[in-house]
């Protein structure tokens, strides 16, 4: 009877050892899976941050270029022929309309009217 009990106890110990080993193996496996997933997520996160930074930098670089161009374009006044005589461009002290410009504007307006 004692022998049978000893045999059963040994078998139980072996089974416990096997289950402990199995549990440890499963634990190691899931740790590897977890590490791999976290590394993948971290890489994606870093990549998305870099893309956002590049877009941010490009946006502000383009904004500065557009701003400089608009500042340059603000100095150029675009007028249609009909408004040029009604609102003449001034020279000098911003009160006198230059005669050459006035004559040129009248000629342009006449050419525009004739062409239509």
PDB file of N, CA and C in Angstrom:
ATOM      1  N   UNK A   1       0.806  -1.179   0.000  1.00  0.00           N
ATOM      2  CA  UNK A   1       0.000   0.000   0.000  1.00  0.00           C
ATOM      3  C   UNK A   1       0.862   1.260   0.000  1.00  0.00           C
ATOM      4  N   UNK A   2       1.902   1.199   0.743  1.00  0.00           N
ATOM      5  CA  UNK A   2       2.813   2.338   0.779  1.00  0.00           C
ATOM      6  C   UNK A   2       3.479   2.560  -0.564  1.00  0.00           C
ATOM      7  N   UNK A   3       3.775   1.507  -1.184  1.00  0.00           N
ATOM      8  CA  UNK A   3       4.420   1.612  -2.488  1.00  0.00           C
ATOM      9  C   UNK A   3       3.507   2.305  -3.492  1.00  0.00           C
ATOM     10  N   UNK A   4       2.283   1.956  -3.466  1.00  0.00           N
ATOM     11  CA  UNK A   4       1.317   2.539  -4.396  1.00  0.00           C
ATOM     12  C   UNK A   4       1.191   4.052  -4.098  1.00  0.00           C
ATOM     13  N   UNK A   5       1.142   4.385  -2.830  1.00  0.00           N
ATOM     14  CA  UNK A   5       1.047   5.786  -2.449  1.00  0.00           C
ATOM     15  C   UNK A   5       2.292   6.555  -2.885  1.00  0.00           C
ATOM     16  N   UNK A   6       3.448   5.928  -2.701  1.00  0.00           N
ATOM     17  CA  UNK A   6       4.696   6.552  -3.135  1.00  0.00           C
ATOM     18  C   UNK A   6       4.708   6.755  -4.654  1.00  0.00           C
ATOM     19  N   UNK A   7       4.265   5.747  -5.346  1.00  0.00           N
ATOM     20  CA  UNK A   7       4.196   5.846  -6.808  1.00  0.00           C
ATOM     21  C   UNK A   7       3.263   6.991  -7.225  1.00  0.00           C
ATOM     22  N   UNK A   8       2.126   7.058  -6.574  1.00  0.00           N
ATOM     23  CA  UNK A   8       1.153   8.110  -6.895  1.00  0.00           C
ATOM     24  C   UNK A   8       1.751   9.483  -6.569  1.00  0.00           C
ATOM     25  N   UNK A   9       2.428   9.601  -5.463  1.00  0.00           N
ATOM     26  CA  UNK A   9       3.046  10.867  -5.073  1.00  0.00           C
ATOM     27  C   UNK A   9       4.120  11.279  -6.072  1.00  0.00           C
ATOM     28  N   UNK A  10       4.918  10.302  -6.519  1.00  0.00           N
ATOM     29  CA  UNK A  10       5.957  10.609  -7.512  1.00  0.00           C
ATOM     30  C   UNK A  10       5.341  11.075  -8.830  1.00  0.00           C
ATOM     31  N   UNK A  11       4.295  10.374  -9.224  1.00  0.00           N
ATOM     32  CA  UNK A  11       3.629  10.750 -10.472  1.00  0.00           C
ATOM     33  C   UNK A  11       3.036  12.166 -10.360  1.00  0.00           C
ATOM     34  N   UNK A  12       2.458  12.430  -9.228  1.00  0.00           N
ATOM     35  CA  UNK A  12       1.883  13.753  -9.006  1.00  0.00           C
ATOM     36  C   UNK A  12       2.984  14.808  -9.059  1.00  0.00           C
ATOM     37  N   UNK A  13       4.131  14.532  -8.436  1.00  0.00           N
ATOM     38  CA  UNK A  13       5.258  15.475  -8.473  1.00  0.00           C
ATOM     39  C   UNK A  13       5.750  15.689  -9.889  1.00  0.00           C
ATOM     40  N   UNK A  14       5.852  14.620 -10.657  1.00  0.00           N
ATOM     41  CA  UNK A  14       6.293  14.736 -12.045  1.00  0.00           C
ATOM     42  C   UNK A  14       5.300  15.575 -12.867  1.00  0.00           C
ATOM     43  N   UNK A  15       4.029  15.315 -12.614  1.00  0.00           N
ATOM     44  CA  UNK A  15       3.008  16.082 -13.339  1.00  0.00           C
ATOM     45  C   UNK A  15       3.073  17.557 -12.945  1.00  0.00           C
ATOM     46  N   UNK A  16       3.289  17.827 -11.685  1.00  0.00           N
ATOM     47  CA  UNK A  16       3.423  19.211 -11.230  1.00  0.00           C
ATOM     48  C   UNK A  16       4.642  19.871 -11.867  1.00  0.00           C
ATOM     49  N   UNK A  17       5.742  19.157 -11.936  1.00  0.00           N
ATOM     50  CA  UNK A  17       6.951  19.689 -12.566  1.00  0.00           C
ATOM     51  C   UNK A  17       6.699  19.982 -14.048  1.00  0.00           C
ATOM     52  N   UNK A  18       6.023  19.042 -14.716  1.00  0.00           N
ATOM     53  CA  UNK A  18       5.717  19.238 -16.130  1.00  0.00           C
ATOM     54  C   UNK A  18       4.823  20.459 -16.328  1.00  0.00           C
ATOM     55  N   UNK A  19       3.798  20.579 -15.490  1.00  0.00           N
ATOM     56  CA  UNK A  19       2.903  21.729 -15.628  1.00  0.00           C
ATOM     57  C   UNK A  19       3.642  23.029 -15.319  1.00  0.00           C
ATOM     58  N   UNK A  20       4.544  23.004 -14.332  1.00  0.00           N
ATOM     59  CA  UNK A  20       5.337  24.204 -14.040  1.00  0.00           C
ATOM     60  C   UNK A  20       6.201  24.582 -15.236  1.00  0.00           C
ATOM     61  N   UNK A  21       6.824  23.578 -15.862  1.00  0.00           N
ATOM     62  CA  UNK A  21       7.645  23.838 -17.053  1.00  0.00           C
ATOM     63  C   UNK A  21       6.773  24.372 -18.194  1.00  0.00           C
ATOM     64  N   UNK A  22       5.623  23.760 -18.348  1.00  0.00           N
ATOM     65  CA  UNK A  22       4.722  24.194 -19.411  1.00  0.00           C
ATOM     66  C   UNK A  22       4.256  25.629 -19.181  1.00  0.00           C
ATOM     67  N   UNK A  23       3.923  25.933 -17.945  1.00  0.00           N
ATOM     68  CA  UNK A  23       3.493  27.279 -17.595  1.00  0.00           C
ATOM     69  C   UNK A  23       4.626  28.275 -17.854  1.00  0.00           C
ATOM     70  N   UNK A  24       5.834  27.902 -17.498  1.00  0.00           N
ATOM     71  CA  UNK A  24       6.987  28.773 -17.733  1.00  0.00           C
ATOM     72  C   UNK A  24       7.213  28.992 -19.231  1.00  0.00           C
ATOM     73  N   UNK A  25       7.088  27.921 -20.010  1.00  0.00           N
ATOM     74  CA  UNK A  25       7.236  28.043 -21.472  1.00  0.00           C
ATOM     75  C   UNK A  25       6.165  28.960 -22.069  1.00  0.00           C
ATOM     76  N   UNK A  26       4.937  28.780 -21.619  1.00  0.00           N
ATOM     77  CA  UNK A  26       3.845  29.622 -22.112  1.00  0.00           C
ATOM     78  C   UNK A  26       4.088  31.071 -21.709  1.00  0.00           C
ATOM     79  N   UNK A  27       4.546  31.265 -20.498  1.00  0.00           N
ATOM     80  CA  UNK A  27       4.854  32.606 -20.011  1.00  0.00           C
ATOM     81  C   UNK A  27       5.936  33.260 -20.871  1.00  0.00           C
ATOM     82  N   UNK A  28       6.992  32.524 -21.167  1.00  0.00           N
ATOM     83  CA  UNK A  28       8.067  33.046 -22.020  1.00  0.00           C
ATOM     84  C   UNK A  28       7.563  33.365 -23.422  1.00  0.00           C
ATOM     85  N   UNK A  29       6.722  32.473 -23.955  1.00  0.00           N
ATOM     86  CA  UNK A  29       6.177  32.692 -25.293  1.00  0.00           C
ATOM     87  C   UNK A  29       5.388  34.004 -25.330  1.00  0.00           C
ATOM     88  N   UNK A  30       4.511  34.219 -24.369  1.00  0.00           N
ATOM     89  CA  UNK A  30       3.691  35.422 -24.372  1.00  0.00           C
ATOM     90  C   UNK A  30       4.508  36.670 -24.084  1.00  0.00           C
ATOM     91  N   UNK A  31       5.563  36.541 -23.336  1.00  0.00           N
ATOM     92  CA  UNK A  31       6.454  37.680 -23.141  1.00  0.00           C
ATOM     93  C   UNK A  31       7.097  38.083 -24.463  1.00  0.00           C
ATOM     94  N   UNK A  32       7.518  37.086 -25.241  1.00  0.00           N
ATOM     95  CA  UNK A  32       8.112  37.373 -26.562  1.00  0.00           C
ATOM     96  C   UNK A  32       7.085  38.036 -27.471  1.00  0.00           C
ATOM     97  N   UNK A  33       5.871  37.495 -27.477  1.00  0.00           N
ATOM     98  CA  UNK A  33       4.813  38.065 -28.317  1.00  0.00           C
ATOM     99  C   UNK A  33       4.538  39.507 -27.893  1.00  0.00           C
ATOM    100  N   UNK A  34       4.462  39.740 -26.601  1.00  0.00           N
ATOM    101  CA  UNK A  34       4.199  41.081 -26.082  1.00  0.00           C
ATOM    102  C   UNK A  34       5.320  42.041 -26.468  1.00  0.00           C
ATOM    103  N   UNK A  35       6.559  41.620 -26.319  1.00  0.00           N
ATOM    104  CA  UNK A  35       7.692  42.475 -26.688  1.00  0.00           C
ATOM    105  C   UNK A  35       7.655  42.804 -28.178  1.00  0.00           C
ATOM    106  N   UNK A  36       7.383  41.782 -28.986  1.00  0.00           N
ATOM    107  CA  UNK A  36       7.345  42.000 -30.438  1.00  0.00           C
ATOM    108  C   UNK A  36       6.238  42.985 -30.810  1.00  0.00           C
ATOM    109  N   UNK A  37       5.063  42.806 -30.237  1.00  0.00           N
ATOM    110  CA  UNK A  37       3.948  43.715 -30.535  1.00  0.00           C
ATOM    111  C   UNK A  37       4.249  45.140 -30.078  1.00  0.00           C
ATOM    112  N   UNK A  38       4.816  45.279 -28.883  1.00  0.00           N
ATOM    113  CA  UNK A  38       5.115  46.628 -28.394  1.00  0.00           C
ATOM    114  C   UNK A  38       6.168  47.299 -29.261  1.00  0.00           C
ATOM    115  N   UNK A  39       7.143  46.538 -29.746  1.00  0.00           N
ATOM    116  CA  UNK A  39       8.162  47.111 -30.638  1.00  0.00           C
ATOM    117  C   UNK A  39       7.537  47.555 -31.956  1.00  0.00           C
ATOM    118  N   UNK A  40       6.626  46.730 -32.495  1.00  0.00           N
ATOM    119  CA  UNK A  40       5.953  47.105 -33.747  1.00  0.00           C
ATOM    120  C   UNK A  40       5.130  48.384 -33.563  1.00  0.00           C
ATOM    121  N   UNK A  41       4.386  48.440 -32.471  1.00  0.00           N
ATOM    122  CA  UNK A  41       3.556  49.620 -32.199  1.00  0.00           C
ATOM    123  C   UNK A  41       4.443  50.842 -32.001  1.00  0.00           C
ATOM    124  N   UNK A  42       5.547  50.651 -31.299  1.00  0.00           N
ATOM    125  CA  UNK A  42       6.474  51.760 -31.063  1.00  0.00           C
ATOM    126  C   UNK A  42       7.057  52.272 -32.381  1.00  0.00           C
ATOM    127  N   UNK A  43       7.422  51.354 -33.279  1.00  0.00           N
ATOM    128  CA  UNK A  43       7.960  51.754 -34.587  1.00  0.00           C
ATOM    129  C   UNK A  43       6.911  52.528 -35.388  1.00  0.00           C
ATOM    130  N   UNK A  44       5.670  52.027 -35.386  1.00  0.00           N
ATOM    131  CA  UNK A  44       4.605  52.736 -36.100  1.00  0.00           C
ATOM    132  C   UNK A  44       4.380  54.117 -35.511  1.00  0.00           C
ATOM    133  N   UNK A  45       4.400  54.204 -34.199  1.00  0.00           N
ATOM    134  CA  UNK A  45       4.194  55.479 -33.516  1.00  0.00           C
ATOM    135  C   UNK A  45       5.303  56.462 -33.868  1.00  0.00           C
ATOM    136  N   UNK A  46       6.545  55.996 -33.828  1.00  0.00           N
ATOM    137  CA  UNK A  46       7.680  56.865 -34.164  1.00  0.00           C
ATOM    138  C   UNK A  46       7.579  57.309 -35.625  1.00  0.00           C
ATOM    139  N   UNK A  47       7.204  56.390 -36.505  1.00  0.00           N
ATOM    140  CA  UNK A  47       7.074  56.720 -37.927  1.00  0.00           C
ATOM    141  C   UNK A  47       5.973  57.756 -38.147  1.00  0.00           C
ATOM    142  N   UNK A  48       4.843  57.574 -37.460  1.00  0.00           N
ATOM    143  CA  UNK A  48       3.753  58.542 -37.638  1.00  0.00           C
ATOM    144  C   UNK A  48       4.143  59.912 -37.081  1.00  0.00           C
ATOM    145  N   UNK A  49       4.893  59.943 -35.992  1.00  0.00           N
ATOM    146  CA  UNK A  49       5.362  61.215 -35.440  1.00  0.00           C
ATOM    147  C   UNK A  49       6.302  61.898 -36.427  1.00  0.00           C
ATOM    148  N   UNK A  50       7.191  61.131 -37.045  1.00  0.00           N
ATOM    149  CA  UNK A  50       8.120  61.712 -38.029  1.00  0.00           C
ATOM    150  C   UNK A  50       7.354  62.269 -39.221  1.00  0.00           C
ATOM    151  N   UNK A  51       6.339  61.538 -39.683  1.00  0.00           N
ATOM    152  CA  UNK A  51       5.539  62.036 -40.799  1.00  0.00           C
ATOM    153  C   UNK A  51       4.815  63.329 -40.427  1.00  0.00           C
ATOM    154  N   UNK A  52       4.274  63.372 -39.226  1.00  0.00           N
ATOM    155  CA  UNK A  52       3.586  64.586 -38.776  1.00  0.00           C
ATOM    156  C   UNK A  52       4.559  65.759 -38.685  1.00  0.00           C
ATOM    157  N   UNK A  53       5.767  65.492 -38.175  1.00  0.00           N
ATOM    158  CA  UNK A  53       6.772  66.555 -38.089  1.00  0.00           C
ATOM    159  C   UNK A  53       7.140  67.057 -39.481  1.00  0.00           C
ATOM    160  N   UNK A  54       7.302  66.126 -40.437  1.00  0.00           N
ATOM    161  CA  UNK A  54       7.652  66.529 -41.806  1.00  0.00           C
ATOM    162  C   UNK A  54       6.535  67.379 -42.412  1.00  0.00           C
ATOM    163  N   UNK A  55       5.273  66.948 -42.217  1.00  0.00           N
ATOM    164  CA  UNK A  55       4.155  67.735 -42.744  1.00  0.00           C
ATOM    165  C   UNK A  55       4.094  69.108 -42.094  1.00  0.00           C
ATOM    166  N   UNK A  56       4.344  69.155 -40.807  1.00  0.00           N
ATOM    167  CA  UNK A  56       4.340  70.420 -40.077  1.00  0.00           C
ATOM    168  C   UNK A  56       5.416  71.349 -40.621  1.00  0.00           C
ATOM    169  N   UNK A  57       6.616  70.817 -40.786  1.00  0.00           N
ATOM    170  CA  UNK A  57       7.726  71.620 -41.302  1.00  0.00           C
ATOM    171  C   UNK A  57       7.435  72.073 -42.728  1.00  0.00           C
ATOM    172  N   UNK A  58       6.942  71.151 -43.581  1.00  0.00           N
ATOM    173  CA  UNK A  58       6.616  71.510 -44.964  1.00  0.00           C
ATOM    174  C   UNK A  58       5.530  72.580 -45.014  1.00  0.00           C
ATOM    175  N   UNK A  59       4.526  72.431 -44.152  1.00  0.00           N
ATOM    176  CA  UNK A  59       3.430  73.401 -44.148  1.00  0.00           C
ATOM    177  C   UNK A  59       3.948  74.793 -43.818  1.00  0.00           C
ATOM    178  N   UNK A  60       4.774  74.889 -42.788  1.00  0.00           N
ATOM    179  CA  UNK A  60       5.264  76.205 -42.413  1.00  0.00           C
ATOM    180  C   UNK A  60       6.313  76.728 -43.383  1.00  0.00           C
ATOM    181  N   UNK A  61       7.071  75.831 -44.006  1.00  0.00           N
ATOM    182  CA  UNK A  61       8.012  76.268 -45.029  1.00  0.00           C
ATOM    183  C   UNK A  61       7.235  76.846 -46.203  1.00  0.00           C
ATOM    184  N   UNK A  62       6.182  76.139 -46.644  1.00  0.00           N
ATOM    185  CA  UNK A  62       5.347  76.634 -47.739  1.00  0.00           C
ATOM    186  C   UNK A  62       4.616  77.912 -47.326  1.00  0.00           C
ATOM    187  N   UNK A  63       4.180  77.966 -46.082  1.00  0.00           N
ATOM    188  CA  UNK A  63       3.496  79.163 -45.596  1.00  0.00           C
ATOM    189  C   UNK A  63       4.424  80.365 -45.660  1.00  0.00           C
ATOM    190  N   UNK A  64       5.675  80.190 -45.240  1.00  0.00           N
ATOM    191  CA  UNK A  64       6.630  81.298 -45.290  1.00  0.00           C
ATOM    192  C   UNK A  64       6.901  81.727 -46.723  1.00  0.00           C
ATOM    193  N   UNK A  65       7.024  80.738 -47.640  1.00  0.00           N
ATOM    194  CA  UNK A  65       7.255  81.070 -49.043  1.00  0.00           C
ATOM    195  C   UNK A  65       6.054  81.825 -49.611  1.00  0.00           C
ATOM    196  N   UNK A  66       4.841  81.341 -49.310  1.00  0.00           N
ATOM    197  CA  UNK A  66       3.631  82.005 -49.810  1.00  0.00           C
ATOM    198  C   UNK A  66       3.502  83.399 -49.214  1.00  0.00           C
ATOM    199  N   UNK A  67       3.863  83.515 -47.948  1.00  0.00           N
ATOM    200  CA  UNK A  67       3.784  84.811 -47.282  1.00  0.00           C
ATOM    201  C   UNK A  67       4.749  85.798 -47.927  1.00  0.00           C
ATOM    202  N   UNK A  68       5.963  85.343 -48.240  1.00  0.00           N
ATOM    203  CA  UNK A  68       6.925  86.214 -48.905  1.00  0.00           C
ATOM    204  C   UNK A  68       6.420  86.603 -50.291  1.00  0.00           C
ATOM    205  N   UNK A  69       5.845  85.645 -51.015  1.00  0.00           N
ATOM    206  CA  UNK A  69       5.324  85.945 -52.345  1.00  0.00           C
ATOM    207  C   UNK A  69       4.156  86.926 -52.247  1.00  0.00           C
ATOM    208  N   UNK A  70       3.293  86.730 -51.250  1.00  0.00           N
ATOM    209  CA  UNK A  70       2.155  87.643 -51.133  1.00  0.00           C
ATOM    210  C   UNK A  70       2.635  89.043 -50.747  1.00  0.00           C
ATOM    211  N   UNK A  71       3.694  89.120 -49.928  1.00  0.00           N
ATOM    212  CA  UNK A  71       4.249  90.434 -49.595  1.00  0.00           C
ATOM    213  C   UNK A  71       4.810  91.110 -50.839  1.00  0.00           C
ATOM    214  N   UNK A  72       5.450  90.330 -51.717  1.00  0.00           N
ATOM    215  CA  UNK A  72       5.970  90.884 -52.967  1.00  0.00           C
ATOM    216  C   UNK A  72       4.823  91.289 -53.880  1.00  0.00           C
ATOM    217  N   UNK A  73       3.753  90.463 -53.894  1.00  0.00           N
ATOM    218  CA  UNK A  73       2.620  90.744 -54.775  1.00  0.00           C
ATOM    219  C   UNK A  73       1.773  91.905 -54.264  1.00  0.00           C
ATOM    220  N   UNK A  74       1.856  92.211 -52.993  1.00  0.00           N
ATOM    221  CA  UNK A  74       1.080  93.336 -52.476  1.00  0.00           C
ATOM    222  C   UNK A  74       1.598  94.657 -53.033  1.00  0.00           C
ATOM    223  N   UNK A  75       2.865  94.698 -53.385  1.00  0.00           N
ATOM    224  CA  UNK A  75       3.433  95.913 -53.951  1.00  0.00           C
ATOM    225  C   UNK A  75       2.949  96.145 -55.384  1.00  0.00           C
ATOM    226  N   UNK A  76       2.516  95.090 -56.047  1.00  0.00           N
ATOM    227  CA  UNK A  76       2.021  95.183 -57.421  1.00  0.00           C
ATOM    228  C   UNK A  76       0.503  95.373 -57.356  1.00  0.00           C
ATOM    229  N   UNK A  77      -0.002  96.438 -57.957  1.00  0.00           N
ATOM    230  CA  UNK A  77      -1.436  96.709 -57.942  1.00  0.00           C
ATOM    231  C   UNK A  77      -2.017  96.245 -59.269  1.00  0.00           C
ATOM    232  N   UNK A  78      -2.995  95.345 -59.185  1.00  0.00           N
ATOM    233  CA  UNK A  78      -3.654  94.833 -60.382  1.00  0.00           C
ATOM    234  C   UNK A  78      -4.978  95.572 -60.547  1.00  0.00           C
ATOM    235  N   UNK A  79      -5.131  96.180 -61.704  1.00  0.00           N
ATOM    236  CA  UNK A  79      -6.354  96.941 -61.954  1.00  0.00           C
ATOM    237  C   UNK A  79      -6.897  96.601 -63.328  1.00  0.00           C
ATOM    238  N   UNK A  80      -8.179  96.659 -63.427  1.00  0.00           N
ATOM    239  CA  UNK A  80      -8.799  96.474 -64.738  1.00  0.00           C
ATOM    240  C   UNK A  80      -8.834  97.833 -65.437  1.00  0.00           C
ATOM    241  N   UNK A  81      -8.955  97.863 -66.759  1.00  0.00           N
ATOM    242  CA  UNK A  81      -8.934  99.139 -67.484  1.00  0.00           C
ATOM    243  C   UNK A  81     -10.054 100.095 -67.077  1.00  0.00           C
ATOM    244  N   UNK A  82     -11.201  99.583 -66.665  1.00  0.00           N
ATOM    245  CA  UNK A  82     -12.328 100.460 -66.324  1.00  0.00           C
ATOM    246  C   UNK A  82     -12.063 101.209 -65.017  1.00  0.00           C
ATOM    247  N   UNK A  83     -11.389 100.600 -64.088  1.00  0.00           N
ATOM    248  CA  UNK A  83     -11.169 101.263 -62.796  1.00  0.00           C
ATOM    249  C   UNK A  83      -9.931 102.134 -62.800  1.00  0.00           C
ATOM    250  N   UNK A  84      -9.115 102.034 -63.821  1.00  0.00           N
ATOM    251  CA  UNK A  84      -7.856 102.785 -63.805  1.00  0.00           C
ATOM    252  C   UNK A  84      -8.081 104.280 -63.913  1.00  0.00           C
ATOM    253  N   UNK A  85      -9.043 104.692 -64.704  1.00  0.00           N
ATOM    254  CA  UNK A  85      -9.267 106.128 -64.839  1.00  0.00           C
ATOM    255  C   UNK A  85     -10.016 106.648 -63.620  1.00  0.00           C
ATOM    256  N   UNK A  86     -10.963 105.853 -63.112  1.00  0.00           N
ATOM    257  CA  UNK A  86     -11.726 106.300 -61.950  1.00  0.00           C
ATOM    258  C   UNK A  86     -10.839 106.378 -60.708  1.00  0.00           C
ATOM    259  N   UNK A  87      -9.905 105.466 -60.571  1.00  0.00           N
ATOM    260  CA  UNK A  87      -8.997 105.468 -59.419  1.00  0.00           C
ATOM    261  C   UNK A  87      -7.565 105.459 -59.938  1.00  0.00           C
ATOM    262  N   UNK A  88      -7.033 106.603 -60.278  1.00  0.00           N
ATOM    263  CA  UNK A  88      -5.694 106.645 -60.876  1.00  0.00           C
ATOM    264  C   UNK A  88      -4.600 106.318 -59.863  1.00  0.00           C
ATOM    265  N   UNK A  89      -3.491 105.810 -60.395  1.00  0.00           N
ATOM    266  CA  UNK A  89      -2.317 105.569 -59.562  1.00  0.00           C
ATOM    267  C   UNK A  89      -1.575 106.891 -59.414  1.00  0.00           C
ATOM    268  N   UNK A  90      -1.036 107.135 -58.263  1.00  0.00           N
ATOM    269  CA  UNK A  90      -0.367 108.395 -58.001  1.00  0.00           C
ATOM    270  C   UNK A  90       1.139 108.205 -57.933  1.00  0.00           C
ATOM    271  N   UNK A  91       1.839 109.291 -58.104  1.00  0.00           N
ATOM    272  CA  UNK A  91       3.301 109.243 -57.989  1.00  0.00           C
ATOM    273  C   UNK A  91       3.743 110.413 -57.138  1.00  0.00           C
ATOM    274  N   UNK A  92       4.985 110.417 -56.809  1.00  0.00           N
ATOM    275  CA  UNK A  92       5.525 111.537 -56.040  1.00  0.00           C
ATOM    276  C   UNK A  92       4.988 111.553 -54.628  1.00  0.00           C
ATOM    277  N   UNK A  93       4.250 112.602 -54.306  1.00  0.00           N
ATOM    278  CA  UNK A  93       3.717 112.724 -52.948  1.00  0.00           C
ATOM    279  C   UNK A  93       2.346 112.048 -52.831  1.00  0.00           C
ATOM    280  N   UNK A  94       2.023 111.146 -53.734  1.00  0.00           N
ATOM    281  CA  UNK A  94       0.777 110.370 -53.765  1.00  0.00           C
ATOM    282  C   UNK A  94      -0.448 111.253 -54.016  1.00  0.00           C
ATOM    283  N   UNK A  95      -0.243 112.429 -54.620  1.00  0.00           N
ATOM    284  CA  UNK A  95      -1.383 113.290 -54.964  1.00  0.00           C
ATOM    285  C   UNK A  95      -1.446 113.550 -56.467  1.00  0.00           C
ATOM    286  N   UNK A  96      -0.300 113.554 -57.115  1.00  0.00           N
ATOM    287  CA  UNK A  96      -0.267 113.895 -58.531  1.00  0.00           C
ATOM    288  C   UNK A  96      -0.299 112.623 -59.372  1.00  0.00           C
ATOM    289  N   UNK A  97      -1.151 112.639 -60.401  1.00  0.00           N
ATOM    290  CA  UNK A  97      -1.200 111.538 -61.348  1.00  0.00           C
ATOM    291  C   UNK A  97      -0.252 111.879 -62.488  1.00  0.00           C
ATOM    292  N   UNK A  98       0.699 111.003 -62.743  1.00  0.00           N
ATOM    293  CA  UNK A  98       1.695 111.293 -63.773  1.00  0.00           C
ATOM    294  C   UNK A  98       1.018 111.329 -65.143  1.00  0.00           C
ATOM    295  N   UNK A  99       1.311 112.340 -65.944  1.00  0.00           N
ATOM    296  CA  UNK A  99       0.635 112.486 -67.254  1.00  0.00           C
ATOM    297  C   UNK A  99       0.902 111.303 -68.184  1.00  0.00           C
ATOM    298  N   UNK A 100       2.100 110.768 -68.174  1.00  0.00           N
ATOM    299  CA  UNK A 100       2.391 109.629 -69.050  1.00  0.00           C
ATOM    300  C   UNK A 100       1.535 108.428 -68.672  1.00  0.00           C
ATOM    301  N   UNK A 101       1.409 108.203 -67.379  1.00  0.00           N
ATOM    302  CA  UNK A 101       0.583 107.075 -66.924  1.00  0.00           C
ATOM    303  C   UNK A 101      -0.875 107.300 -67.292  1.00  0.00           C
ATOM    304  N   UNK A 102      -1.334 108.526 -67.164  1.00  0.00           N
ATOM    305  CA  UNK A 102      -2.724 108.835 -67.487  1.00  0.00           C
ATOM    306  C   UNK A 102      -2.996 108.576 -68.973  1.00  0.00           C
ATOM    307  N   UNK A 103      -2.093 109.044 -69.826  1.00  0.00           N
ATOM    308  CA  UNK A 103      -2.275 108.824 -71.264  1.00  0.00           C
ATOM    309  C   UNK A 103      -2.200 107.328 -71.607  1.00  0.00           C
ATOM    310  N   UNK A 104      -1.272 106.638 -70.989  1.00  0.00           N
ATOM    311  CA  UNK A 104      -1.140 105.191 -71.233  1.00  0.00           C
ATOM    312  C   UNK A 104      -2.424 104.474 -70.810  1.00  0.00           C
ATOM    313  N   UNK A 105      -2.994 104.861 -69.682  1.00  0.00           N
ATOM    314  CA  UNK A 105      -4.220 104.233 -69.205  1.00  0.00           C
ATOM    315  C   UNK A 105      -5.388 104.500 -70.144  1.00  0.00           C
ATOM    316  N   UNK A 106      -5.461 105.708 -70.674  1.00  0.00           N
ATOM    317  CA  UNK A 106      -6.542 106.021 -71.618  1.00  0.00           C
ATOM    318  C   UNK A 106      -6.387 105.192 -72.881  1.00  0.00           C
ATOM    319  N   UNK A 107      -5.160 105.045 -73.376  1.00  0.00           N
ATOM    320  CA  UNK A 107      -4.921 104.253 -74.587  1.00  0.00           C
ATOM    321  C   UNK A 107      -5.297 102.806 -74.333  1.00  0.00           C
ATOM    322  N   UNK A 108      -4.912 102.282 -73.190  1.00  0.00           N
ATOM    323  CA  UNK A 108      -5.255 100.890 -72.846  1.00  0.00           C
ATOM    324  C   UNK A 108      -6.759 100.715 -72.774  1.00  0.00           C
ATOM    325  N   UNK A 109      -7.440 101.661 -72.188  1.00  0.00           N
ATOM    326  CA  UNK A 109      -8.883 101.571 -72.066  1.00  0.00           C
ATOM    327  C   UNK A 109      -9.534 101.604 -73.438  1.00  0.00           C
ATOM    328  N   UNK A 110      -9.057 102.477 -74.324  1.00  0.00           N
ATOM    329  CA  UNK A 110      -9.592 102.540 -75.686  1.00  0.00           C
ATOM    330  C   UNK A 110      -9.356 101.235 -76.420  1.00  0.00           C
ATOM    331  N   UNK A 111      -8.161 100.695 -76.313  1.00  0.00           N
ATOM    332  CA  UNK A 111      -7.848  99.413 -76.974  1.00  0.00           C
ATOM    333  C   UNK A 111      -8.744  98.309 -76.433  1.00  0.00           C
ATOM    334  N   UNK A 112      -8.983  98.327 -75.154  1.00  0.00           N
ATOM    335  CA  UNK A 112      -9.835  97.304 -74.527  1.00  0.00           C
ATOM    336  C   UNK A 112     -11.270  97.415 -75.036  1.00  0.00           C
ATOM    337  N   UNK A 113     -11.762  98.663 -75.158  1.00  0.00           N
ATOM    338  CA  UNK A 113     -13.143  98.881 -75.638  1.00  0.00           C
ATOM    339  C   UNK A 113     -13.261  98.488 -77.107  1.00  0.00           C
ATOM    340  N   UNK A 114     -12.249  98.786 -77.892  1.00  0.00           N
ATOM    341  CA  UNK A 114     -12.285  98.466 -79.326  1.00  0.00           C
ATOM    342  C   UNK A 114     -12.249  96.968 -79.546  1.00  0.00           C
ATOM    343  N   UNK A 115     -11.464  96.263 -78.743  1.00  0.00           N
ATOM    344  CA  UNK A 115     -11.308  94.825 -78.936  1.00  0.00           C
ATOM    345  C   UNK A 115     -12.582  94.063 -78.587  1.00  0.00           C
ATOM    346  N   UNK A 116     -13.475  94.703 -77.831  1.00  0.00           N
ATOM    347  CA  UNK A 116     -14.725  93.990 -77.495  1.00  0.00           C
ATOM    348  C   UNK A 116     -15.767  94.463 -78.375  1.00  0.00           C
TER     349      UNK A 116
END
